[in-house]
Amino acid sequence: MTLTGLYVPLITPFDLTGSIAVDALTALATDALDAGAAGLVALGTTGEPTALSDDERATVLDVLAALCRSRRAHLLVGANGVDALRALSGRPEVTAALCLVPPFLRPGPAGVLAYFAHLAQASPVPLVVYHVPYRTGQHLRADDLRQLAGLPGVIGIKYTTGAIDTDTVDFLADVRPGFAVLGGDDPLISPLLALGAHGVIAASAQVAAADFVQVVAHWQLGDLVRGRALGHRLAGLSAALFAEPNPTVIKAVLHAQGRIPTAAVRLPLLPAGPDAARRALRRLDELTSASR
């Protein structure tokens, strides 16, 4: 199994009482799958999982697992550590766990490799490595990533390095068969697809899922002209949506669209400013107009 296409990491919408807005979450997930997404991501960073209680995290997972089961869609679940992985046992809807490279400690490539070998051995589901060095502090070279790709039980990587550099080009030039590279920096999705990424995990897709599905299809079909043009427009939208800490602007846009009851986030996040929301909505209007 190689993961391909669009995977949408969902926000956690809150209602006026501060509780999870289950109906809104279901609607957002349904909209993404109706637009052609290959799957969903539950409890990723975009979903504010560390600000949720155990019961709330279980609610999110129950809702999305039921929907993915009924739609036969893939479900990736953010899970860091052996205990979180073991909690996924008995959930056949879960395609894979999205596991962060150990943050802050900077254990070095050998430590990262040993860590994921340990996780994969303990996990009831395959793993997708979440590589985001500007958050974790741990840089990995192309050869390090290839060693991770060779571990039994590791089926992919969310590649979120913040740049297209020589290691990116080197890594994508020689990807192990069956191992999926999923672009995770929303503004860089189109160039990563052009270099050979198999798909994307894009929070921005919550406001423009069909367009993200389309840009993946353009690059996979070799339609360079349309892929570049749409990729540039989506990069502008994504930059606006990430102008303040994720998912604050995305929530502001979804609330303005009437798709979630409030734009509320939980500490340490603060709501997006009105100017950021207006800029993102303007970018979204431009994208919609260009797509007509």
C-alpha atoms as a PDB file:
ATOM      1  CA  MET A   1       0.000   0.000   0.000  1.00  0.00           C
ATOM      2  CA  THR A   2       1.356   3.400  -1.015  1.00  0.00           C
ATOM      3  CA  LEU A   3      -0.526   6.401   0.351  1.00  0.00           C
ATOM      4  CA  THR A   4      -1.402   8.801  -2.454  1.00  0.00           C
ATOM      5  CA  GLY A   5      -3.672  11.775  -2.997  1.00  0.00           C
ATOM      6  CA  LEU A   6      -4.966  14.331  -0.518  1.00  0.00           C
ATOM      7  CA  TYR A   7      -5.245  13.766   3.232  1.00  0.00           C
ATOM      8  CA  VAL A   8      -7.043  16.480   5.183  1.00  0.00           C
ATOM      9  CA  PRO A   9      -5.938  17.121   8.790  1.00  0.00           C
ATOM     10  CA  LEU A  10      -9.107  18.327  10.432  1.00  0.00           C
ATOM     11  CA  ILE A  11      -9.553  21.103  12.940  1.00  0.00           C
ATOM     12  CA  THR A  12     -11.504  20.453  16.116  1.00  0.00           C
ATOM     13  CA  PRO A  13     -14.501  22.816  15.987  1.00  0.00           C
ATOM     14  CA  PHE A  14     -15.935  24.106  19.250  1.00  0.00           C
ATOM     15  CA  ASP A  15     -19.469  25.285  19.964  1.00  0.00           C
ATOM     16  CA  LEU A  16     -20.598  28.278  22.036  1.00  0.00           C
ATOM     17  CA  THR A  17     -20.202  26.296  25.260  1.00  0.00           C
ATOM     18  CA  GLY A  18     -16.634  25.308  24.418  1.00  0.00           C
ATOM     19  CA  SER A  19     -17.517  21.677  23.726  1.00  0.00           C
ATOM     20  CA  ILE A  20     -16.626  19.835  20.534  1.00  0.00           C
ATOM     21  CA  ALA A  21     -19.098  20.636  17.784  1.00  0.00           C
ATOM     22  CA  VAL A  22     -19.585  17.063  16.610  1.00  0.00           C
ATOM     23  CA  ASP A  23     -22.026  17.877  13.800  1.00  0.00           C
ATOM     24  CA  ALA A  24     -19.641  20.483  12.380  1.00  0.00           C
ATOM     25  CA  LEU A  25     -16.720  18.052  12.575  1.00  0.00           C
ATOM     26  CA  THR A  26     -18.740  15.426  10.732  1.00  0.00           C
ATOM     27  CA  ALA A  27     -19.736  17.947   8.071  1.00  0.00           C
ATOM     28  CA  LEU A  28     -16.151  19.131   7.523  1.00  0.00           C
ATOM     29  CA  ALA A  29     -14.945  15.551   7.166  1.00  0.00           C
ATOM     30  CA  THR A  30     -17.795  14.660   4.818  1.00  0.00           C
ATOM     31  CA  ASP A  31     -17.110  17.707   2.654  1.00  0.00           C
ATOM     32  CA  ALA A  32     -13.438  16.730   2.334  1.00  0.00           C
ATOM     33  CA  LEU A  33     -14.255  13.179   1.262  1.00  0.00           C
ATOM     34  CA  ASP A  34     -17.013  14.360  -1.092  1.00  0.00           C
ATOM     35  CA  ALA A  35     -14.421  16.604  -2.767  1.00  0.00           C
ATOM     36  CA  GLY A  36     -12.231  13.592  -3.495  1.00  0.00           C
ATOM     37  CA  ALA A  37      -9.805  13.422  -0.573  1.00  0.00           C
ATOM     38  CA  ALA A  38      -8.205   9.999  -0.182  1.00  0.00           C
ATOM     39  CA  GLY A  39      -8.445  10.221   3.572  1.00  0.00           C
ATOM     40  CA  LEU A  40      -8.506  12.224   6.772  1.00  0.00           C
ATOM     41  CA  VAL A  41      -6.066  12.947   9.576  1.00  0.00           C
ATOM     42  CA  ALA A  42      -7.450  12.825  13.108  1.00  0.00           C
ATOM     43  CA  LEU A  43      -5.701  14.461  16.062  1.00  0.00           C
ATOM     44  CA  GLY A  44      -2.954  16.047  14.002  1.00  0.00           C
ATOM     45  CA  THR A  45      -1.461  19.369  15.082  1.00  0.00           C
ATOM     46  CA  THR A  46      -4.270  21.187  13.243  1.00  0.00           C
ATOM     47  CA  GLY A  47      -6.781  19.502  15.557  1.00  0.00           C
ATOM     48  CA  GLU A  48      -5.203  20.968  18.742  1.00  0.00           C
ATOM     49  CA  PRO A  49      -4.893  17.496  20.330  1.00  0.00           C
ATOM     50  CA  THR A  50      -2.786  18.590  23.299  1.00  0.00           C
ATOM     51  CA  ALA A  51      -5.562  20.998  24.318  1.00  0.00           C
ATOM     52  CA  LEU A  52      -8.188  18.238  24.298  1.00  0.00           C
ATOM     53  CA  SER A  53      -9.095  15.939  27.164  1.00  0.00           C
ATOM     54  CA  ASP A  54      -8.818  12.167  26.808  1.00  0.00           C
ATOM     55  CA  ASP A  55     -12.583  11.962  26.333  1.00  0.00           C
ATOM     56  CA  GLU A  56     -12.528  14.683  23.680  1.00  0.00           C
ATOM     57  CA  ARG A  57      -9.743  12.978  21.758  1.00  0.00           C
ATOM     58  CA  ALA A  58     -11.756   9.743  21.874  1.00  0.00           C
ATOM     59  CA  THR A  59     -14.816  11.604  20.547  1.00  0.00           C
ATOM     60  CA  VAL A  60     -12.890  13.024  17.604  1.00  0.00           C
ATOM     61  CA  LEU A  61     -11.458   9.636  16.768  1.00  0.00           C
ATOM     62  CA  ASP A  62     -14.831   7.894  17.078  1.00  0.00           C
ATOM     63  CA  VAL A  63     -16.500  10.393  14.725  1.00  0.00           C
ATOM     64  CA  LEU A  64     -13.820  10.237  12.054  1.00  0.00           C
ATOM     65  CA  ALA A  65     -13.315   6.488  12.309  1.00  0.00           C
ATOM     66  CA  ALA A  66     -17.022   5.864  11.762  1.00  0.00           C
ATOM     67  CA  LEU A  67     -17.081   8.132   8.725  1.00  0.00           C
ATOM     68  CA  CYS A  68     -13.933   6.642   7.184  1.00  0.00           C
ATOM     69  CA  ARG A  69     -15.326   3.154   7.739  1.00  0.00           C
ATOM     70  CA  SER A  70     -18.558   3.997   5.966  1.00  0.00           C
ATOM     71  CA  ARG A  71     -16.771   5.776   3.115  1.00  0.00           C
ATOM     72  CA  ARG A  72     -13.891   3.273   2.857  1.00  0.00           C
ATOM     73  CA  ALA A  73     -11.436   6.149   3.211  1.00  0.00           C
ATOM     74  CA  HIS A  74      -8.010   6.112   4.797  1.00  0.00           C
ATOM     75  CA  LEU A  75      -7.618   7.434   8.328  1.00  0.00           C
ATOM     76  CA  LEU A  76      -4.304   8.639   9.730  1.00  0.00           C
ATOM     77  CA  VAL A  77      -4.172   9.367  13.459  1.00  0.00           C
ATOM     78  CA  GLY A  78      -1.694  11.554  15.297  1.00  0.00           C
ATOM     79  CA  ALA A  79      -0.111   9.339  17.960  1.00  0.00           C
ATOM     80  CA  ASN A  80       3.174   9.998  19.706  1.00  0.00           C
ATOM     81  CA  GLY A  81       4.638   7.371  21.993  1.00  0.00           C
ATOM     82  CA  VAL A  82       4.011   3.700  22.638  1.00  0.00           C
ATOM     83  CA  ASP A  83       0.955   4.234  24.853  1.00  0.00           C
ATOM     84  CA  ALA A  84      -0.783   6.390  22.242  1.00  0.00           C
ATOM     85  CA  LEU A  85      -0.052   3.808  19.563  1.00  0.00           C
ATOM     86  CA  ARG A  86      -1.291   0.884  21.627  1.00  0.00           C
ATOM     87  CA  ALA A  87      -4.535   2.780  22.204  1.00  0.00           C
ATOM     88  CA  LEU A  88      -5.204   2.357  18.457  1.00  0.00           C
ATOM     89  CA  SER A  89      -5.434  -1.414  18.855  1.00  0.00           C
ATOM     90  CA  GLY A  90      -8.876  -2.690  17.960  1.00  0.00           C
ATOM     91  CA  ARG A  91      -9.577   0.191  15.593  1.00  0.00           C
ATOM     92  CA  PRO A  92      -9.548  -1.391  12.119  1.00  0.00           C
ATOM     93  CA  GLU A  93     -10.457   1.920  10.493  1.00  0.00           C
ATOM     94  CA  VAL A  94      -7.001   3.344  11.264  1.00  0.00           C
ATOM     95  CA  THR A  95      -4.727   3.094   8.240  1.00  0.00           C
ATOM     96  CA  ALA A  96      -1.615   4.412   9.968  1.00  0.00           C
ATOM     97  CA  ALA A  97      -0.375   6.507  12.861  1.00  0.00           C
ATOM     98  CA  LEU A  98       1.294   9.847  12.216  1.00  0.00           C
ATOM     99  CA  CYS A  99       4.264   9.997  14.594  1.00  0.00           C
ATOM    100  CA  LEU A 100       6.417  13.039  15.231  1.00  0.00           C
ATOM    101  CA  VAL A 101      10.202  12.892  15.105  1.00  0.00           C
ATOM    102  CA  PRO A 102      11.208  13.305  18.796  1.00  0.00           C
ATOM    103  CA  PRO A 103      11.106  17.059  19.506  1.00  0.00           C
ATOM    104  CA  PHE A 104      13.466  19.263  21.501  1.00  0.00           C
ATOM    105  CA  LEU A 105      15.940  16.561  22.554  1.00  0.00           C
ATOM    106  CA  ARG A 106      17.668  16.367  19.150  1.00  0.00           C
ATOM    107  CA  PRO A 107      18.777  12.747  19.661  1.00  0.00           C
ATOM    108  CA  GLY A 108      20.604  12.627  16.323  1.00  0.00           C
ATOM    109  CA  PRO A 109      19.783  10.484  13.283  1.00  0.00           C
ATOM    110  CA  ALA A 110      20.799   7.227  14.983  1.00  0.00           C
ATOM    111  CA  GLY A 111      18.525   8.012  17.936  1.00  0.00           C
ATOM    112  CA  VAL A 112      15.626   8.864  15.634  1.00  0.00           C
ATOM    113  CA  LEU A 113      16.108   5.611  13.745  1.00  0.00           C
ATOM    114  CA  ALA A 114      16.192   3.577  16.959  1.00  0.00           C
ATOM    115  CA  TYR A 115      13.117   5.406  18.256  1.00  0.00           C
ATOM    116  CA  PHE A 116      11.017   4.624  15.182  1.00  0.00           C
ATOM    117  CA  ALA A 117      12.204   1.029  15.096  1.00  0.00           C
ATOM    118  CA  HIS A 118      10.943   0.736  18.689  1.00  0.00           C
ATOM    119  CA  LEU A 119       7.621   2.422  17.894  1.00  0.00           C
ATOM    120  CA  ALA A 120       7.031   0.305  14.807  1.00  0.00           C
ATOM    121  CA  GLN A 121       7.635  -2.892  16.756  1.00  0.00           C
ATOM    122  CA  ALA A 122       5.131  -1.864  19.438  1.00  0.00           C
ATOM    123  CA  SER A 123       2.487  -0.371  17.155  1.00  0.00           C
ATOM    124  CA  PRO A 124      -0.654  -2.233  16.034  1.00  0.00           C
ATOM    125  CA  VAL A 125      -0.776  -0.075  12.880  1.00  0.00           C
ATOM    126  CA  PRO A 126       1.809   1.102  10.328  1.00  0.00           C
ATOM    127  CA  LEU A 127       3.614   4.390  10.937  1.00  0.00           C
ATOM    128  CA  VAL A 128       3.979   7.600   8.957  1.00  0.00           C
ATOM    129  CA  VAL A 129       6.919   9.675  10.169  1.00  0.00           C
ATOM    130  CA  TYR A 130       6.154  13.357  10.746  1.00  0.00           C
ATOM    131  CA  HIS A 131       9.386  15.187   9.883  1.00  0.00           C
ATOM    132  CA  VAL A 132       9.154  18.893  10.729  1.00  0.00           C
ATOM    133  CA  PRO A 133      12.660  20.043  11.737  1.00  0.00           C
ATOM    134  CA  TYR A 134      11.787  23.706  12.289  1.00  0.00           C
ATOM    135  CA  ARG A 135       9.522  22.537  15.135  1.00  0.00           C
ATOM    136  CA  THR A 136      11.458  19.530  16.452  1.00  0.00           C
ATOM    137  CA  GLY A 137      14.994  20.892  16.096  1.00  0.00           C
ATOM    138  CA  GLN A 138      16.130  17.602  14.549  1.00  0.00           C
ATOM    139  CA  HIS A 139      17.531  17.773  11.024  1.00  0.00           C
ATOM    140  CA  LEU A 140      17.685  14.595   8.938  1.00  0.00           C
ATOM    141  CA  ARG A 141      19.637  14.165   5.720  1.00  0.00           C
ATOM    142  CA  ALA A 142      18.393  12.275   2.659  1.00  0.00           C
ATOM    143  CA  ASP A 143      20.305   9.134   3.643  1.00  0.00           C
ATOM    144  CA  ASP A 144      18.801   9.297   7.154  1.00  0.00           C
ATOM    145  CA  LEU A 145      15.326   9.439   5.663  1.00  0.00           C
ATOM    146  CA  ARG A 146      16.063   6.456   3.448  1.00  0.00           C
ATOM    147  CA  GLN A 147      17.049   4.454   6.511  1.00  0.00           C
ATOM    148  CA  LEU A 148      13.745   5.380   8.148  1.00  0.00           C
ATOM    149  CA  ALA A 149      11.945   4.313   4.981  1.00  0.00           C
ATOM    150  CA  GLY A 150      13.601   0.925   5.244  1.00  0.00           C
ATOM    151  CA  LEU A 151      12.216   0.146   8.702  1.00  0.00           C
ATOM    152  CA  PRO A 152       9.531  -2.584   8.803  1.00  0.00           C
ATOM    153  CA  GLY A 153       6.178  -1.018   9.598  1.00  0.00           C
ATOM    154  CA  VAL A 154       7.115   2.500   8.439  1.00  0.00           C
ATOM    155  CA  ILE A 155       5.107   3.213   5.281  1.00  0.00           C
ATOM    156  CA  GLY A 156       5.525   6.936   4.695  1.00  0.00           C
ATOM    157  CA  ILE A 157       6.618  10.375   5.767  1.00  0.00           C
ATOM    158  CA  LYS A 158       4.922  13.706   6.157  1.00  0.00           C
ATOM    159  CA  TYR A 159       7.717  15.819   4.708  1.00  0.00           C
ATOM    160  CA  THR A 160       7.536  19.275   6.280  1.00  0.00           C
ATOM    161  CA  THR A 161      10.978  20.839   6.150  1.00  0.00           C
ATOM    162  CA  GLY A 162       9.910  24.368   5.223  1.00  0.00           C
ATOM    163  CA  ALA A 163      12.105  24.495   2.116  1.00  0.00           C
ATOM    164  CA  ILE A 164      13.050  22.765  -1.107  1.00  0.00           C
ATOM    165  CA  ASP A 165      16.767  22.123  -0.609  1.00  0.00           C
ATOM    166  CA  THR A 166      19.396  19.683  -1.872  1.00  0.00           C
ATOM    167  CA  ASP A 167      18.309  17.021   0.622  1.00  0.00           C
ATOM    168  CA  THR A 168      14.736  17.312  -0.664  1.00  0.00           C
ATOM    169  CA  VAL A 169      15.846  16.822  -4.249  1.00  0.00           C
ATOM    170  CA  ASP A 170      18.200  13.985  -3.282  1.00  0.00           C
ATOM    171  CA  PHE A 171      15.562  12.168  -1.206  1.00  0.00           C
ATOM    172  CA  LEU A 172      12.792  12.422  -3.797  1.00  0.00           C
ATOM    173  CA  ALA A 173      15.127  11.264  -6.559  1.00  0.00           C
ATOM    174  CA  ASP A 174      15.364   7.818  -4.973  1.00  0.00           C
ATOM    175  CA  VAL A 175      12.327   6.820  -2.889  1.00  0.00           C
ATOM    176  CA  ARG A 176      11.934   3.210  -1.806  1.00  0.00           C
ATOM    177  CA  PRO A 177       9.026   1.479  -3.641  1.00  0.00           C
ATOM    178  CA  GLY A 178       5.922   1.326  -1.471  1.00  0.00           C
ATOM    179  CA  PHE A 179       7.070   4.218   0.729  1.00  0.00           C
ATOM    180  CA  ALA A 180       4.908   7.336   0.499  1.00  0.00           C
ATOM    181  CA  VAL A 181       6.226  10.885   0.605  1.00  0.00           C
ATOM    182  CA  LEU A 182       3.407  13.258   1.565  1.00  0.00           C
ATOM    183  CA  GLY A 183       4.080  16.981   1.342  1.00  0.00           C
ATOM    184  CA  GLY A 184       3.215  18.727   4.591  1.00  0.00           C
ATOM    185  CA  ASP A 185       4.166  22.375   4.018  1.00  0.00           C
ATOM    186  CA  ASP A 186       1.035  23.754   2.389  1.00  0.00           C
ATOM    187  CA  PRO A 187       2.703  26.560   0.373  1.00  0.00           C
ATOM    188  CA  LEU A 188       5.293  24.067  -0.986  1.00  0.00           C
ATOM    189  CA  ILE A 189       2.906  21.311  -1.985  1.00  0.00           C
ATOM    190  CA  SER A 190       3.023  21.944  -5.729  1.00  0.00           C
ATOM    191  CA  PRO A 191       6.847  21.881  -6.076  1.00  0.00           C
ATOM    192  CA  LEU A 192       7.033  18.758  -3.908  1.00  0.00           C
ATOM    193  CA  LEU A 193       4.507  17.049  -6.179  1.00  0.00           C
ATOM    194  CA  ALA A 194       6.539  18.183  -9.175  1.00  0.00           C
ATOM    195  CA  LEU A 195       9.596  16.495  -7.645  1.00  0.00           C
ATOM    196  CA  GLY A 196       7.726  13.230  -7.134  1.00  0.00           C
ATOM    197  CA  ALA A 197       5.830  13.370  -3.827  1.00  0.00           C
ATOM    198  CA  HIS A 198       2.979  10.858  -3.792  1.00  0.00           C
ATOM    199  CA  GLY A 199       0.428  13.105  -2.127  1.00  0.00           C
ATOM    200  CA  VAL A 200      -0.146  15.787   0.462  1.00  0.00           C
ATOM    201  CA  ILE A 201      -1.369  16.365   3.998  1.00  0.00           C
ATOM    202  CA  ALA A 202      -2.758  19.879   3.752  1.00  0.00           C
ATOM    203  CA  ALA A 203      -4.649  21.746   6.461  1.00  0.00           C
ATOM    204  CA  SER A 204      -5.497  24.460   3.912  1.00  0.00           C
ATOM    205  CA  ALA A 205      -7.592  21.909   2.047  1.00  0.00           C
ATOM    206  CA  GLN A 206     -10.367  22.332   4.603  1.00  0.00           C
ATOM    207  CA  VAL A 207     -11.347  25.530   2.809  1.00  0.00           C
ATOM    208  CA  ALA A 208     -10.572  24.380  -0.771  1.00  0.00           C
ATOM    209  CA  ALA A 209     -10.505  20.595  -0.839  1.00  0.00           C
ATOM    210  CA  ALA A 210     -11.504  20.150  -4.481  1.00  0.00           C
ATOM    211  CA  ASP A 211      -8.690  22.430  -5.635  1.00  0.00           C
ATOM    212  CA  PHE A 212      -6.091  20.492  -3.632  1.00  0.00           C
ATOM    213  CA  VAL A 213      -7.425  17.223  -5.029  1.00  0.00           C
ATOM    214  CA  GLN A 214      -7.089  18.739  -8.486  1.00  0.00           C
ATOM    215  CA  VAL A 215      -3.518  19.969  -8.072  1.00  0.00           C
ATOM    216  CA  VAL A 216      -2.428  16.492  -6.977  1.00  0.00           C
ATOM    217  CA  ALA A 217      -4.161  15.023 -10.027  1.00  0.00           C
ATOM    218  CA  HIS A 218      -2.530  17.536 -12.393  1.00  0.00           C
ATOM    219  CA  TRP A 219       0.975  16.634 -11.263  1.00  0.00           C
ATOM    220  CA  GLN A 220       0.293  12.903 -11.209  1.00  0.00           C
ATOM    221  CA  LEU A 221      -1.025  13.102 -14.768  1.00  0.00           C
ATOM    222  CA  GLY A 222       1.918  15.232 -15.903  1.00  0.00           C
ATOM    223  CA  ASP A 223      -0.230  18.286 -16.664  1.00  0.00           C
ATOM    224  CA  LEU A 224       2.518  20.804 -15.951  1.00  0.00           C
ATOM    225  CA  VAL A 225       0.712  23.914 -17.143  1.00  0.00           C
ATOM    226  CA  ARG A 226      -2.370  23.411 -15.003  1.00  0.00           C
ATOM    227  CA  GLY A 227      -0.357  22.044 -12.100  1.00  0.00           C
ATOM    228  CA  ARG A 228       1.861  25.120 -11.968  1.00  0.00           C
ATOM    229  CA  ALA A 229      -0.979  27.605 -12.353  1.00  0.00           C
ATOM    230  CA  LEU A 230      -3.200  26.043  -9.700  1.00  0.00           C
ATOM    231  CA  GLY A 231      -0.199  25.364  -7.457  1.00  0.00           C
ATOM    232  CA  HIS A 232       0.719  29.051  -7.445  1.00  0.00           C
ATOM    233  CA  ARG A 233      -2.824  30.066  -6.506  1.00  0.00           C
ATOM    234  CA  LEU A 234      -2.999  27.492  -3.708  1.00  0.00           C
ATOM    235  CA  ALA A 235       0.386  28.594  -2.384  1.00  0.00           C
ATOM    236  CA  GLY A 236      -0.955  32.126  -2.024  1.00  0.00           C
ATOM    237  CA  LEU A 237      -4.033  30.878  -0.205  1.00  0.00           C
ATOM    238  CA  SER A 238      -1.948  28.686   2.101  1.00  0.00           C
ATOM    239  CA  ALA A 239       0.416  31.526   2.946  1.00  0.00           C
ATOM    240  CA  ALA A 240      -2.572  33.608   4.016  1.00  0.00           C
ATOM    241  CA  LEU A 241      -4.048  30.750   6.052  1.00  0.00           C
ATOM    242  CA  PHE A 242      -0.738  30.264   7.879  1.00  0.00           C
ATOM    243  CA  ALA A 243      -0.044  33.954   8.477  1.00  0.00           C
ATOM    244  CA  GLU A 244      -0.865  33.340  12.149  1.00  0.00           C
ATOM    245  CA  PRO A 245      -0.445  30.120  14.154  1.00  0.00           C
ATOM    246  CA  ASN A 246      -2.311  27.172  12.663  1.00  0.00           C
ATOM    247  CA  PRO A 247      -5.275  26.573  12.809  1.00  0.00           C
ATOM    248  CA  THR A 248      -6.392  30.038  13.919  1.00  0.00           C
ATOM    249  CA  VAL A 249      -6.871  31.583  10.476  1.00  0.00           C
ATOM    250  CA  ILE A 250      -8.408  28.426   9.049  1.00  0.00           C
ATOM    251  CA  LYS A 251     -10.956  28.449  11.858  1.00  0.00           C
ATOM    252  CA  ALA A 252     -11.700  32.126  11.246  1.00  0.00           C
ATOM    253  CA  VAL A 253     -12.373  31.424   7.565  1.00  0.00           C
ATOM    254  CA  LEU A 254     -14.530  28.386   8.287  1.00  0.00           C
ATOM    255  CA  HIS A 255     -16.540  30.400  10.805  1.00  0.00           C
ATOM    256  CA  ALA A 256     -16.986  33.251   8.336  1.00  0.00           C
ATOM    257  CA  GLN A 257     -18.310  30.676   5.864  1.00  0.00           C
ATOM    258  CA  GLY A 258     -20.810  29.457   8.455  1.00  0.00           C
ATOM    259  CA  ARG A 259     -19.283  25.975   8.527  1.00  0.00           C
ATOM    260  CA  ILE A 260     -18.351  25.936  12.232  1.00  0.00           C
ATOM    261  CA  PRO A 261     -20.211  27.544  15.173  1.00  0.00           C
ATOM    262  CA  THR A 262     -17.245  29.587  16.450  1.00  0.00           C
ATOM    263  CA  ALA A 263     -13.658  30.393  15.518  1.00  0.00           C
ATOM    264  CA  ALA A 264     -12.554  29.509  19.047  1.00  0.00           C
ATOM    265  CA  VAL A 265      -9.185  27.939  19.746  1.00  0.00           C
ATOM    266  CA  ARG A 266      -7.702  26.849  23.051  1.00  0.00           C
ATOM    267  CA  LEU A 267      -4.673  28.190  24.842  1.00  0.00           C
ATOM    268  CA  PRO A 268      -1.837  28.637  24.175  1.00  0.00           C
ATOM    269  CA  LEU A 269      -3.383  29.673  20.847  1.00  0.00           C
ATOM    270  CA  LEU A 270      -5.284  32.935  20.495  1.00  0.00           C
ATOM    271  CA  PRO A 271      -7.898  33.677  17.827  1.00  0.00           C
ATOM    272  CA  ALA A 272      -6.667  35.061  14.520  1.00  0.00           C
ATOM    273  CA  GLY A 273      -6.826  38.795  14.015  1.00  0.00           C
ATOM    274  CA  PRO A 274      -9.509  40.214  11.711  1.00  0.00           C
ATOM    275  CA  ASP A 275      -6.970  41.412   9.132  1.00  0.00           C
ATOM    276  CA  ALA A 276      -5.508  37.917   8.738  1.00  0.00           C
ATOM    277  CA  ALA A 277      -8.958  36.454   8.282  1.00  0.00           C
ATOM    278  CA  ARG A 278      -9.898  39.083   5.685  1.00  0.00           C
ATOM    279  CA  ARG A 279      -6.713  38.470   3.694  1.00  0.00           C
ATOM    280  CA  ALA A 280      -7.347  34.736   3.675  1.00  0.00           C
ATOM    281  CA  LEU A 281     -10.958  35.189   2.595  1.00  0.00           C
ATOM    282  CA  ARG A 282      -9.813  37.493  -0.198  1.00  0.00           C
ATOM    283  CA  ARG A 283      -7.333  34.852  -1.404  1.00  0.00           C
ATOM    284  CA  LEU A 284     -10.075  32.243  -1.292  1.00  0.00           C
ATOM    285  CA  ASP A 285     -12.381  34.464  -3.368  1.00  0.00           C
ATOM    286  CA  GLU A 286      -9.594  34.919  -5.932  1.00  0.00           C
ATOM    287  CA  LEU A 287      -9.086  31.165  -6.114  1.00  0.00           C
ATOM    288  CA  THR A 288     -12.807  30.554  -6.567  1.00  0.00           C
ATOM    289  CA  SER A 289     -13.052  33.188  -9.304  1.00  0.00           C
ATOM    290  CA  ALA A 290     -10.064  31.750 -11.174  1.00  0.00           C
ATOM    291  CA  SER A 291     -11.549  28.243 -11.030  1.00  0.00           C
ATOM    292  CA  ARG A 292     -14.782  29.234 -12.740  1.00  0.00           C
END
